[in-house]
Amino acid sequence: MSFLVQDEPILVVMAGDARVDNKKYKAVFQQKAKMIPGELVESLVGHEPGGVCPFGAKEGVPVYFDVSLRRFERVYPAAGNDHSAVDLSLEEFVDCVPPAGWVDIGKGWCE
């Protein structure tokens, strides 16, 4: 998911069944969640909406991983367009895309 934090883009990779918990988001990023408007996503992040992924994002865009991912041995993050994904172990994913940090901003997922 792509957000603006103090008008700068960030990415947060969350489990597919997780939704953003606004209270948790604000506690982590000190502001209300503000998704990047669709028409600005590609210019700010480097990928079109529907294919936003942590691979090949524009330099300087921090990528955070939500704790909802930790329950999976394998993850299937998007891979640059709305019709592709990759199959990685969580360890491989962390090695490929070292996160700027782990965050807990999700709700609605089963532990």
C-alpha atoms as a PDB file:
ATOM      1  CA  MET A   1       0.000   0.000   0.000  1.00  0.00           C
ATOM      2  CA  SER A   2       1.253   3.482  -0.785  1.00  0.00           C
ATOM      3  CA  PHE A   3       0.873   6.395   1.586  1.00  0.00           C
ATOM      4  CA  LEU A   4       2.052   9.962   1.988  1.00  0.00           C
ATOM      5  CA  VAL A   5       3.779  10.776   5.267  1.00  0.00           C
ATOM      6  CA  GLN A   6       4.546  14.477   5.569  1.00  0.00           C
ATOM      7  CA  ASP A   7       4.020  14.671   1.791  1.00  0.00           C
ATOM      8  CA  GLU A   8       6.655  11.982   1.108  1.00  0.00           C
ATOM      9  CA  PRO A   9       5.764   8.516  -0.281  1.00  0.00           C
ATOM     10  CA  ILE A  10       6.137   5.336   1.731  1.00  0.00           C
ATOM     11  CA  LEU A  11       5.145   1.742   1.029  1.00  0.00           C
ATOM     12  CA  VAL A  12       3.701  -0.676   3.560  1.00  0.00           C
ATOM     13  CA  VAL A  13       3.497  -4.361   2.670  1.00  0.00           C
ATOM     14  CA  MET A  14       0.633  -6.024   4.520  1.00  0.00           C
ATOM     15  CA  ALA A  15      -1.056  -9.410   4.400  1.00  0.00           C
ATOM     16  CA  GLY A  16      -3.888  -9.513   1.879  1.00  0.00           C
ATOM     17  CA  ASP A  17      -6.513  -9.991   4.580  1.00  0.00           C
ATOM     18  CA  ALA A  18      -5.324  -7.038   6.686  1.00  0.00           C
ATOM     19  CA  ARG A  19      -6.866  -3.587   6.599  1.00  0.00           C
ATOM     20  CA  VAL A  20      -5.316  -0.381   7.863  1.00  0.00           C
ATOM     21  CA  ASP A  21      -6.206   0.460  11.441  1.00  0.00           C
ATOM     22  CA  ASN A  22      -6.207   4.263  11.459  1.00  0.00           C
ATOM     23  CA  LYS A  23      -5.477   4.525  15.179  1.00  0.00           C
ATOM     24  CA  LYS A  24      -2.452   2.219  14.914  1.00  0.00           C
ATOM     25  CA  TYR A  25      -1.268   3.990  11.761  1.00  0.00           C
ATOM     26  CA  LYS A  26      -1.385   7.377  13.474  1.00  0.00           C
ATOM     27  CA  ALA A  27       0.515   6.010  16.485  1.00  0.00           C
ATOM     28  CA  VAL A  28       3.330   4.817  14.202  1.00  0.00           C
ATOM     29  CA  PHE A  29       3.525   7.643  11.652  1.00  0.00           C
ATOM     30  CA  GLN A  30       2.192  10.536  13.791  1.00  0.00           C
ATOM     31  CA  GLN A  31      -0.477  11.469  11.279  1.00  0.00           C
ATOM     32  CA  LYS A  32      -3.724  10.190   9.814  1.00  0.00           C
ATOM     33  CA  ALA A  33      -3.342   7.618   7.035  1.00  0.00           C
ATOM     34  CA  LYS A  34      -3.325   9.343   3.656  1.00  0.00           C
ATOM     35  CA  MET A  35      -3.110   7.092   0.628  1.00  0.00           C
ATOM     36  CA  ILE A  36      -1.354   8.453  -2.436  1.00  0.00           C
ATOM     37  CA  PRO A  37      -3.941   9.611  -4.994  1.00  0.00           C
ATOM     38  CA  GLY A  38      -4.094   7.160  -7.906  1.00  0.00           C
ATOM     39  CA  GLU A  39      -2.920   9.676 -10.479  1.00  0.00           C
ATOM     40  CA  LEU A  40       0.268  10.341  -8.452  1.00  0.00           C
ATOM     41  CA  VAL A  41       1.236   6.797  -7.484  1.00  0.00           C
ATOM     42  CA  GLU A  42       3.411   6.019 -10.508  1.00  0.00           C
ATOM     43  CA  SER A  43       5.267   9.334 -10.432  1.00  0.00           C
ATOM     44  CA  LEU A  44       5.980   9.102  -6.696  1.00  0.00           C
ATOM     45  CA  VAL A  45       6.579   5.365  -6.277  1.00  0.00           C
ATOM     46  CA  GLY A  46       7.510   4.071  -9.718  1.00  0.00           C
ATOM     47  CA  HIS A  47       4.645   1.609 -10.193  1.00  0.00           C
ATOM     48  CA  GLU A  48       1.087   1.993 -11.422  1.00  0.00           C
ATOM     49  CA  PRO A  49      -1.837   1.449  -9.042  1.00  0.00           C
ATOM     50  CA  GLY A  50      -2.641  -2.259  -8.885  1.00  0.00           C
ATOM     51  CA  GLY A  51       1.005  -3.202  -9.312  1.00  0.00           C
ATOM     52  CA  VAL A  52       2.638  -1.248  -6.517  1.00  0.00           C
ATOM     53  CA  CYS A  53       5.356  -3.403  -5.045  1.00  0.00           C
ATOM     54  CA  PRO A  54       8.532  -3.032  -3.035  1.00  0.00           C
ATOM     55  CA  PHE A  55      10.711  -4.254  -5.925  1.00  0.00           C
ATOM     56  CA  GLY A  56      12.110  -1.493  -8.065  1.00  0.00           C
ATOM     57  CA  ALA A  57      10.347   1.308  -6.241  1.00  0.00           C
ATOM     58  CA  LYS A  58      11.907   4.714  -6.715  1.00  0.00           C
ATOM     59  CA  GLU A  59      15.064   5.283  -4.726  1.00  0.00           C
ATOM     60  CA  GLY A  60      14.413   6.837  -1.363  1.00  0.00           C
ATOM     61  CA  VAL A  61      10.901   5.424  -0.937  1.00  0.00           C
ATOM     62  CA  PRO A  62      10.997   3.560   2.386  1.00  0.00           C
ATOM     63  CA  VAL A  63       9.306   0.166   2.534  1.00  0.00           C
ATOM     64  CA  TYR A  64       7.788  -1.038   5.801  1.00  0.00           C
ATOM     65  CA  PHE A  65       6.532  -4.539   6.535  1.00  0.00           C
ATOM     66  CA  ASP A  66       3.431  -5.001   8.661  1.00  0.00           C
ATOM     67  CA  VAL A  67       3.528  -7.651  11.370  1.00  0.00           C
ATOM     68  CA  SER A  68       0.576  -9.376   9.658  1.00  0.00           C
ATOM     69  CA  LEU A  69       3.177 -10.940   7.319  1.00  0.00           C
ATOM     70  CA  ARG A  70       5.002 -12.761  10.110  1.00  0.00           C
ATOM     71  CA  ARG A  71       2.418 -15.549  10.332  1.00  0.00           C
ATOM     72  CA  PHE A  72       3.309 -16.815   6.850  1.00  0.00           C
ATOM     73  CA  GLU A  73       6.219 -18.997   5.807  1.00  0.00           C
ATOM     74  CA  ARG A  74       5.711 -17.909   2.195  1.00  0.00           C
ATOM     75  CA  VAL A  75       4.530 -14.560   0.855  1.00  0.00           C
ATOM     76  CA  TYR A  76       3.342 -13.512  -2.607  1.00  0.00           C
ATOM     77  CA  PRO A  77       4.019  -9.795  -3.012  1.00  0.00           C
ATOM     78  CA  ALA A  78       3.006  -7.950  -6.141  1.00  0.00           C
ATOM     79  CA  ALA A  79       5.773  -7.737  -8.704  1.00  0.00           C
ATOM     80  CA  GLY A  80       5.221  -4.526 -10.621  1.00  0.00           C
ATOM     81  CA  ASN A  81       1.869  -4.838 -12.367  1.00  0.00           C
ATOM     82  CA  ASP A  82      -1.656  -5.966 -11.587  1.00  0.00           C
ATOM     83  CA  HIS A  83      -1.091  -9.440 -13.071  1.00  0.00           C
ATOM     84  CA  SER A  84       2.134 -10.568 -11.402  1.00  0.00           C
ATOM     85  CA  ALA A  85       3.417 -11.738  -8.042  1.00  0.00           C
ATOM     86  CA  VAL A  86       6.441 -13.615  -6.769  1.00  0.00           C
ATOM     87  CA  ASP A  87       6.621 -16.573  -4.400  1.00  0.00           C
ATOM     88  CA  LEU A  88       9.196 -16.062  -1.645  1.00  0.00           C
ATOM     89  CA  SER A  89       9.811 -17.301   1.845  1.00  0.00           C
ATOM     90  CA  LEU A  90       9.426 -14.483   4.341  1.00  0.00           C
ATOM     91  CA  GLU A  91      13.164 -14.709   4.981  1.00  0.00           C
ATOM     92  CA  GLU A  92      13.904 -14.355   1.239  1.00  0.00           C
ATOM     93  CA  PHE A  93      11.555 -11.383   1.032  1.00  0.00           C
ATOM     94  CA  VAL A  94      13.321  -9.624   3.900  1.00  0.00           C
ATOM     95  CA  ASP A  95      16.677 -10.345   2.241  1.00  0.00           C
ATOM     96  CA  CYS A  96      15.477  -8.992  -1.130  1.00  0.00           C
ATOM     97  CA  VAL A  97      13.778  -5.904   0.272  1.00  0.00           C
ATOM     98  CA  PRO A  98      15.255  -5.012   3.648  1.00  0.00           C
ATOM     99  CA  PRO A  99      12.420  -3.123   5.334  1.00  0.00           C
ATOM    100  CA  ALA A 100      12.843   0.353   6.794  1.00  0.00           C
ATOM    101  CA  GLY A 101      11.089  -1.218   9.766  1.00  0.00           C
ATOM    102  CA  TRP A 102       8.373  -3.559  10.934  1.00  0.00           C
ATOM    103  CA  VAL A 103       5.118  -1.832  11.837  1.00  0.00           C
ATOM    104  CA  ASP A 104       1.826  -2.908  13.377  1.00  0.00           C
ATOM    105  CA  ILE A 105      -0.834  -0.928  11.521  1.00  0.00           C
ATOM    106  CA  GLY A 106      -3.214  -3.676  10.435  1.00  0.00           C
ATOM    107  CA  LYS A 107      -6.521  -5.005  11.653  1.00  0.00           C
ATOM    108  CA  GLY A 108      -8.948  -7.709  10.662  1.00  0.00           C
ATOM    109  CA  TRP A 109      -6.419 -10.437  10.027  1.00  0.00           C
ATOM    110  CA  CYS A 110      -6.372 -13.740  11.906  1.00  0.00           C
ATOM    111  CA  GLU A 111      -3.386 -14.420  14.103  1.00  0.00           C
END
